[in-house]
């Protein structure tokens, strides 16, 4: 049984936010597994432009200060997105992070992107799984001395639920890794929209694309899944079927977790923030109304346990209206399942337990 440490967000004049967070971190044993000089990656989602649900950077400053006091050198990090937007490469991504409060002069730690300038700096991790044989991961994650995941708990249109496991499996993957998790086949080609400009052919890492006699795109080789063609096309001639198979997507995502966490230099810690619990991922350019009240902060060395504890607490909380939740839900009803009924039972946590990623059995320790 794994321990999950919990703070319910209550504070007093003598015990404000920073002191409560310090107590939570200390009780979890985080300081005991850090050596002076360790470079500690704080894996976080900076939020898409227009989104307001992402983690408030000021709430994370106590974590940075705690790690520094233990002698560590923390830095915030993420990877580039597969889709086109302000997080598609590190220059725009860095400016966006700063606009959202992740400025080293404010939060006390720099922002560095684990997959390099364009999302192509990666490490290939061999993994003997049921659904993947290797994982493509931002190269910096394998160089860091330790990783602490900072996870905004919320819904997700495909996975159904986003917490520690989503932040690791998708958030640590390079562009090629994200493509690998999402689809098991090449992108879809739409020759009728192709202008024959040839930009995608230049971008294709595997040299798998070509132009036919009519000046239209065609697949002439084996796709490596890098996603560069999709990102380069401005005419809609290349697309990705994001929802090809939700169950397989979820299992591939979970196997990416196992591949990544097993290769880190030391065990990671996972901090789930059950605050501003919105129905959508922070990748959206907006944030809908929360589906339940703010509940607290959880930390554990077990990503499965902390995600299971988060789901249990959210389902035990009263639903909030107006929100996207269907009418008539009560305490105890599965809120995320009501929002995304096509997602697998337990959001893949049963499979995660089966492959040894962690345990769904936990003991909640409240500070």
Protein backbone atom coordinates (compact mmCIF):
# COMPACT_ATOMS: atom_id res chain seq x y z
CA UNK A 1 0.00 0.00 0.00
CA UNK A 2 1.41 3.38 -1.04
CA UNK A 3 1.26 6.51 1.08
CA UNK A 4 -0.30 9.66 -0.32
CA UNK A 5 0.24 12.83 1.72
CA UNK A 6 -2.54 15.42 1.62
CA UNK A 7 -3.09 19.05 2.58
CA UNK A 8 -6.64 20.40 2.34
CA UNK A 9 -5.57 24.02 1.57
CA UNK A 10 -6.55 25.35 5.01
CA UNK A 11 -4.20 28.03 6.30
CA UNK A 12 -3.98 30.44 9.23
CA UNK A 13 -2.09 33.64 9.97
CA UNK A 14 0.58 31.64 11.79
CA UNK A 15 0.61 28.83 9.22
CA UNK A 16 0.26 30.37 5.74
CA UNK A 17 0.49 28.66 2.38
CA UNK A 18 4.28 28.47 2.22
CA UNK A 19 4.61 26.84 5.65
CA UNK A 20 1.84 24.35 4.93
CA UNK A 21 3.47 23.36 1.66
CA UNK A 22 6.83 22.98 3.38
CA UNK A 23 5.26 20.69 5.98
CA UNK A 24 3.63 18.58 3.26
CA UNK A 25 6.91 18.23 1.34
CA UNK A 26 8.91 17.42 4.46
CA UNK A 27 6.45 14.77 5.62
CA UNK A 28 6.61 13.12 2.18
CA UNK A 29 10.35 12.61 2.62
CA UNK A 30 11.28 14.60 -0.48
CA UNK A 31 14.25 16.29 1.20
CA UNK A 32 15.68 12.93 2.28
CA UNK A 33 16.24 11.73 -1.30
CA UNK A 34 17.94 14.88 -2.58
CA UNK A 35 21.70 15.39 -2.53
CA UNK A 36 23.35 18.83 -2.61
CA UNK A 37 23.96 19.96 -6.17
CA UNK A 38 21.25 17.76 -7.69
CA UNK A 39 19.66 19.19 -10.83
CA UNK A 40 15.95 18.64 -10.24
CA UNK A 41 13.45 18.83 -13.11
CA UNK A 42 10.07 20.28 -12.12
CA UNK A 43 7.82 18.86 -14.86
CA UNK A 44 4.90 21.23 -15.33
CA UNK A 45 2.38 22.25 -17.98
CA UNK A 46 2.67 26.01 -18.57
CA UNK A 47 -0.80 26.24 -20.11
CA UNK A 48 -1.75 27.18 -23.66
CA UNK A 49 -2.23 30.81 -24.65
CA UNK A 50 -5.71 31.90 -23.53
CA UNK A 51 -5.94 29.19 -20.86
CA UNK A 52 -6.42 30.31 -17.25
CA UNK A 53 -6.60 26.94 -15.48
CA UNK A 54 -2.89 26.09 -15.44
CA UNK A 55 -0.97 25.95 -12.16
CA UNK A 56 -0.37 29.36 -10.61
CA UNK A 57 3.40 29.85 -10.60
CA UNK A 58 3.33 31.68 -7.26
CA UNK A 59 1.82 28.60 -5.60
CA UNK A 60 4.90 26.64 -6.70
CA UNK A 61 7.50 29.01 -5.26
CA UNK A 62 7.52 27.19 -1.87
CA UNK A 63 8.49 23.97 -3.69
CA UNK A 64 11.42 25.73 -5.36
CA UNK A 65 12.54 27.23 -2.04
CA UNK A 66 12.25 23.85 -0.30
CA UNK A 67 14.44 22.16 -2.92
CA UNK A 68 17.00 24.95 -2.83
CA UNK A 69 17.25 24.70 0.95
CA UNK A 70 18.00 20.99 0.53
CA UNK A 71 20.89 21.98 -1.75
CA UNK A 72 19.22 21.17 -5.07
CA UNK A 73 19.16 23.27 -8.24
CA UNK A 74 15.56 23.06 -9.53
CA UNK A 75 14.32 24.13 -12.95
CA UNK A 76 10.88 24.12 -14.56
CA UNK A 77 10.56 22.09 -17.73
CA UNK A 78 8.18 20.80 -20.37
CA UNK A 79 8.32 19.62 -23.98
CA UNK A 80 7.00 20.98 -27.27
CA UNK A 81 3.53 20.14 -28.48
CA UNK A 82 2.76 18.08 -31.55
CA UNK A 83 0.02 20.46 -32.64
CA UNK A 84 0.60 23.99 -33.94
CA UNK A 85 0.43 26.71 -31.27
CA UNK A 86 2.47 28.84 -28.90
CA UNK A 87 4.13 25.77 -27.40
CA UNK A 88 5.28 24.14 -30.65
CA UNK A 89 8.93 25.24 -30.21
CA UNK A 90 10.93 26.47 -27.26
CA UNK A 91 11.20 30.18 -28.18
CA UNK A 92 7.44 30.80 -28.24
CA UNK A 93 6.96 28.31 -25.41
CA UNK A 94 9.44 30.17 -23.20
CA UNK A 95 7.77 33.52 -23.82
CA UNK A 96 4.38 31.98 -23.03
CA UNK A 97 5.70 30.48 -19.78
CA UNK A 98 7.00 33.90 -18.74
CA UNK A 99 3.64 35.53 -19.51
CA UNK A 100 2.00 32.91 -17.30
CA UNK A 101 4.25 33.78 -14.37
CA UNK A 102 7.10 31.31 -14.84
CA UNK A 103 9.80 33.94 -14.69
CA UNK A 104 12.93 33.02 -12.68
CA UNK A 105 12.80 36.39 -10.94
CA UNK A 106 9.33 35.47 -9.66
CA UNK A 107 9.45 31.72 -9.08
CA UNK A 108 13.15 31.41 -8.28
CA UNK A 109 14.00 28.82 -10.93
CA UNK A 110 14.69 28.99 -14.68
CA UNK A 111 12.64 27.43 -17.47
CA UNK A 112 14.43 24.90 -19.69
CA UNK A 113 12.87 22.72 -22.37
CA UNK A 114 13.72 19.04 -22.16
CA UNK A 115 13.37 18.30 -25.88
CA UNK A 116 15.46 21.16 -27.25
CA UNK A 117 14.72 23.98 -29.64
CA UNK A 118 12.20 22.25 -31.91
CA UNK A 119 11.16 19.20 -29.90
CA UNK A 120 13.65 16.88 -31.60
CA UNK A 121 16.26 16.47 -28.83
CA UNK A 122 15.31 13.04 -27.56
CA UNK A 123 16.46 9.83 -25.98
CA UNK A 124 15.16 6.47 -27.20
CA UNK A 125 14.36 4.15 -24.30
CA UNK A 126 14.00 0.42 -25.11
CA UNK A 127 10.92 -1.06 -23.45
CA UNK A 128 9.38 -4.51 -23.74
CA UNK A 129 5.71 -3.71 -23.40
CA UNK A 130 2.46 -4.97 -24.82
CA UNK A 131 1.94 -1.86 -26.91
CA UNK A 132 5.36 -0.21 -27.36
CA UNK A 133 8.89 -1.50 -27.84
CA UNK A 134 10.59 1.84 -27.25
CA UNK A 135 9.78 5.32 -25.97
CA UNK A 136 10.99 8.63 -27.43
CA UNK A 137 11.56 11.04 -24.56
CA UNK A 138 12.88 14.57 -24.16
CA UNK A 139 16.63 14.08 -23.77
CA UNK A 140 17.05 16.32 -20.75
CA UNK A 141 14.85 14.10 -18.56
CA UNK A 142 17.41 11.34 -18.73
CA UNK A 143 20.19 13.78 -17.79
CA UNK A 144 18.53 15.27 -14.72
CA UNK A 145 19.34 13.91 -11.25
CA UNK A 146 15.70 13.77 -10.18
CA UNK A 147 12.22 14.66 -11.40
CA UNK A 148 9.31 16.12 -9.47
CA UNK A 149 6.06 16.24 -11.43
CA UNK A 150 3.73 19.16 -10.74
CA UNK A 151 0.32 18.06 -11.97
CA UNK A 152 -2.82 20.13 -12.45
CA UNK A 153 -5.64 17.64 -11.97
CA UNK A 154 -8.38 18.13 -14.55
CA UNK A 155 -10.31 16.41 -17.30
CA UNK A 156 -9.04 15.46 -20.74
CA UNK A 157 -10.98 14.99 -23.95
CA UNK A 158 -9.18 11.77 -24.91
CA UNK A 159 -7.71 10.27 -21.72
CA UNK A 160 -10.71 11.39 -19.67
CA UNK A 161 -8.55 12.42 -16.74
CA UNK A 162 -5.26 14.26 -16.49
CA UNK A 163 -2.95 13.99 -13.48
CA UNK A 164 0.50 12.59 -12.80
CA UNK A 165 0.35 9.80 -15.40
CA UNK A 166 -0.80 12.12 -18.19
CA UNK A 167 1.85 14.72 -17.31
CA UNK A 168 4.61 12.10 -17.47
CA UNK A 169 3.58 9.90 -20.39
CA UNK A 170 2.61 12.69 -22.79
CA UNK A 171 4.41 15.63 -21.23
CA UNK A 172 7.86 14.00 -21.19
CA UNK A 173 7.63 12.63 -24.73
CA UNK A 174 9.39 14.32 -27.62
CA UNK A 175 7.38 15.28 -30.69
CA UNK A 176 8.02 11.83 -32.15
CA UNK A 177 7.05 10.29 -28.83
CA UNK A 178 3.74 12.17 -28.75
CA UNK A 179 2.99 10.95 -32.25
CA UNK A 180 3.93 7.44 -31.14
CA UNK A 181 1.52 7.53 -28.20
CA UNK A 182 -1.36 9.01 -30.17
CA UNK A 183 -1.32 6.89 -33.30
CA UNK A 184 0.06 3.57 -34.40
CA UNK A 185 -0.18 4.43 -38.11
CA UNK A 186 1.09 7.26 -40.31
CA UNK A 187 -0.78 10.58 -40.62
CA UNK A 188 -3.72 10.75 -43.00
CA UNK A 189 -3.00 12.36 -46.37
CA UNK A 190 -5.59 14.50 -48.18
CA UNK A 191 -4.25 14.93 -51.74
CA UNK A 192 -7.24 17.03 -52.76
CA UNK A 193 -5.99 19.80 -50.42
CA UNK A 194 -2.35 19.52 -51.46
CA UNK A 195 -0.85 22.46 -53.38
CA UNK A 196 2.35 20.62 -54.24
CA UNK A 197 4.53 23.11 -52.36
CA UNK A 198 6.83 20.31 -51.17
CA UNK A 199 7.49 21.71 -47.69
CA UNK A 200 6.36 18.49 -46.00
CA UNK A 201 8.78 16.46 -48.12
CA UNK A 202 11.65 18.64 -46.95
CA UNK A 203 10.53 18.25 -43.32
CA UNK A 204 9.97 14.47 -43.41
CA UNK A 205 12.73 12.88 -41.31
CA UNK A 206 12.15 9.43 -42.82
CA UNK A 207 12.00 10.67 -46.44
CA UNK A 208 8.69 8.82 -46.70
CA UNK A 209 6.73 11.46 -48.65
CA UNK A 210 6.77 12.32 -52.33
CA UNK A 211 4.73 14.15 -54.97
CA UNK A 212 2.84 12.19 -57.64
CA UNK A 213 2.56 13.02 -61.32
CA UNK A 214 -0.39 15.31 -60.58
CA UNK A 215 1.56 17.31 -58.03
CA UNK A 216 -0.19 15.78 -55.01
CA UNK A 217 1.26 14.31 -51.84
CA UNK A 218 1.67 10.56 -51.46
CA UNK A 219 3.26 8.12 -49.02
CA UNK A 220 6.30 6.59 -50.74
CA UNK A 221 8.08 5.06 -47.76
CA UNK A 222 7.77 4.04 -44.10
CA UNK A 223 6.67 6.80 -41.71
CA UNK A 224 8.81 7.20 -38.57
CA UNK A 225 6.11 9.15 -36.73
CA UNK A 226 8.10 12.35 -36.16
CA UNK A 227 5.05 14.56 -36.85
CA UNK A 228 7.04 17.19 -38.75
CA UNK A 229 4.96 16.86 -41.93
CA UNK A 230 1.74 17.51 -40.03
CA UNK A 231 3.22 20.60 -38.38
CA UNK A 232 4.62 21.98 -41.63
CA UNK A 233 1.46 21.75 -43.77
CA UNK A 234 -0.56 24.98 -43.90
CA UNK A 235 -3.25 23.63 -46.20
CA UNK A 236 -4.81 20.77 -44.23
CA UNK A 237 -3.42 18.12 -46.59
CA UNK A 238 -2.00 16.12 -43.65
CA UNK A 239 -3.99 15.26 -40.54
CA UNK A 240 -3.83 13.02 -37.49
CA UNK A 241 -6.70 10.91 -36.18
CA UNK A 242 -6.31 11.81 -32.51
CA UNK A 243 -9.09 9.46 -31.42
CA UNK A 244 -8.21 6.38 -33.42
CA UNK A 245 -8.42 4.03 -30.40
CA UNK A 246 -8.84 5.46 -26.90
CA UNK A 247 -8.05 2.21 -25.09
CA UNK A 248 -4.80 1.66 -27.00
CA UNK A 249 -3.86 5.33 -26.58
CA UNK A 250 -4.33 5.04 -22.82
CA UNK A 251 -2.23 1.88 -22.56
CA UNK A 252 0.56 3.32 -24.70
CA UNK A 253 0.53 6.43 -22.52
CA UNK A 254 0.88 4.29 -19.40
CA UNK A 255 3.70 2.21 -20.88
CA UNK A 256 5.52 5.44 -21.66
CA UNK A 257 5.27 6.22 -17.93
CA UNK A 258 6.83 2.90 -17.02
CA UNK A 259 9.63 3.28 -19.57
CA UNK A 260 10.46 6.80 -18.36
CA UNK A 261 10.23 6.31 -14.60
CA UNK A 262 12.23 3.07 -14.67
CA UNK A 263 15.12 4.86 -16.39
CA UNK A 264 15.43 7.88 -14.09
CA UNK A 265 18.48 8.09 -11.85
CA UNK A 266 16.30 8.02 -8.71
CA UNK A 267 12.57 7.71 -7.94
CA UNK A 268 10.42 10.65 -8.95
CA UNK A 269 7.93 12.42 -6.68
CA UNK A 270 4.49 13.42 -7.89
CA UNK A 271 2.52 16.41 -6.61
CA UNK A 272 -1.14 16.62 -7.66
CA UNK A 273 -2.93 19.96 -7.32
CA UNK A 274 -6.68 19.42 -6.92
CA UNK A 275 -7.44 23.05 -7.63
CA UNK A 276 -9.42 24.70 -10.42
CA UNK A 277 -10.56 21.26 -11.55
CA UNK A 278 -11.74 22.00 -15.07
CA UNK A 279 -13.24 19.55 -17.61
CA UNK A 280 -10.48 20.06 -20.21
CA UNK A 281 -6.73 19.82 -20.55
CA UNK A 282 -4.65 23.00 -20.20
CA UNK A 283 -3.69 22.53 -23.86
CA UNK A 284 -6.95 24.28 -24.77
CA UNK A 285 -6.93 28.03 -25.35
CA UNK A 286 -9.66 28.51 -22.73
CA UNK A 287 -10.70 27.15 -19.34
CA UNK A 288 -14.29 26.15 -18.61
CA UNK A 289 -15.89 26.36 -15.16
CA UNK A 290 -14.60 23.93 -12.48
CA UNK A 291 -16.62 20.76 -11.93
CA UNK A 292 -16.08 20.58 -8.14
CA UNK A 293 -14.60 22.73 -5.36
CA UNK A 294 -10.87 23.08 -4.77
CA UNK A 295 -9.81 20.15 -2.59
CA UNK A 296 -6.10 20.29 -1.81
CA UNK A 297 -2.63 19.11 -2.72
CA UNK A 298 -1.38 15.49 -2.75
CA UNK A 299 2.14 14.10 -2.99
CA UNK A 300 3.43 10.56 -3.40
CA UNK A 301 6.28 8.60 -4.93
CA UNK A 302 3.61 6.41 -6.56
CA UNK A 303 1.94 8.00 -9.63
CA UNK A 304 -0.85 5.42 -9.69
CA UNK A 305 -1.71 5.92 -6.02
CA UNK A 306 -1.73 9.72 -6.22
CA UNK A 307 -3.94 9.66 -9.32
CA UNK A 308 -6.32 7.11 -7.76
CA UNK A 309 -6.54 9.16 -4.56
CA UNK A 310 -7.22 12.29 -6.60
CA UNK A 311 -10.02 10.63 -8.56
CA UNK A 312 -11.59 9.21 -5.39
CA UNK A 313 -11.58 12.59 -3.68
CA UNK A 314 -13.00 14.39 -6.71
CA UNK A 315 -15.81 11.86 -7.03
CA UNK A 316 -16.60 12.21 -3.31
CA UNK A 317 -16.85 15.98 -3.63
CA UNK A 318 -20.10 17.79 -4.49
CA UNK A 319 -20.51 18.65 -8.18
CA UNK A 320 -20.45 22.31 -9.12
CA UNK A 321 -23.02 23.96 -11.37
CA UNK A 322 -23.16 25.71 -13.75
CA UNK A 323 -20.51 23.58 -15.40
CA UNK A 324 -20.21 21.08 -18.23
CA UNK A 325 -21.26 18.25 -15.92
CA UNK A 326 -24.55 16.57 -16.88
CA UNK A 327 -27.47 17.60 -14.70
CA UNK A 328 -28.34 15.45 -11.72
CA UNK A 329 -24.93 14.24 -10.57
CA UNK A 330 -24.44 13.69 -6.84
CA UNK A 331 -21.55 13.05 -4.47
CA UNK A 332 -19.98 9.71 -5.34
CA UNK A 333 -20.76 9.85 -9.05
CA UNK A 334 -17.82 9.59 -11.44
CA UNK A 335 -17.52 13.13 -12.77
CA UNK A 336 -14.87 12.59 -15.44
CA UNK A 337 -16.60 9.45 -16.71
CA UNK A 338 -19.80 11.47 -17.04
CA UNK A 339 -17.90 13.95 -19.20
CA UNK A 340 -16.07 11.35 -21.32
CA UNK A 341 -18.07 8.10 -21.26
CA UNK A 342 -15.94 6.45 -23.99
CA UNK A 343 -12.80 6.37 -21.85
CA UNK A 344 -11.62 3.03 -20.37
CA UNK A 345 -12.78 2.00 -16.92
CA UNK A 346 -10.52 3.40 -14.18
CA UNK A 347 -8.90 5.60 -16.84
CA UNK A 348 -6.22 2.96 -17.34
CA UNK A 349 -5.13 2.78 -13.69
CA UNK A 350 -5.96 -0.92 -13.54
CA UNK A 351 -3.60 -1.54 -16.45
CA UNK A 352 -0.98 0.70 -14.81
CA UNK A 353 -1.16 -1.46 -11.69
CA UNK A 354 -0.92 -4.66 -13.74
CA UNK A 355 2.35 -3.62 -15.37
CA UNK A 356 3.90 -2.56 -12.07
CA UNK A 357 3.75 1.22 -12.46
CA UNK A 358 2.24 1.56 -8.97
CA UNK A 359 -0.61 0.57 -6.69
CA UNK A 360 -4.22 1.68 -6.59
CA UNK A 361 -4.28 0.81 -2.89
CA UNK A 362 -3.15 3.78 -0.83
CA UNK A 363 -3.19 5.28 2.63
CA UNK A 364 -4.12 8.96 2.75
CA UNK A 365 -2.00 10.81 5.32
CA UNK A 366 -3.46 14.24 6.07
CA UNK A 367 -1.20 16.92 7.50
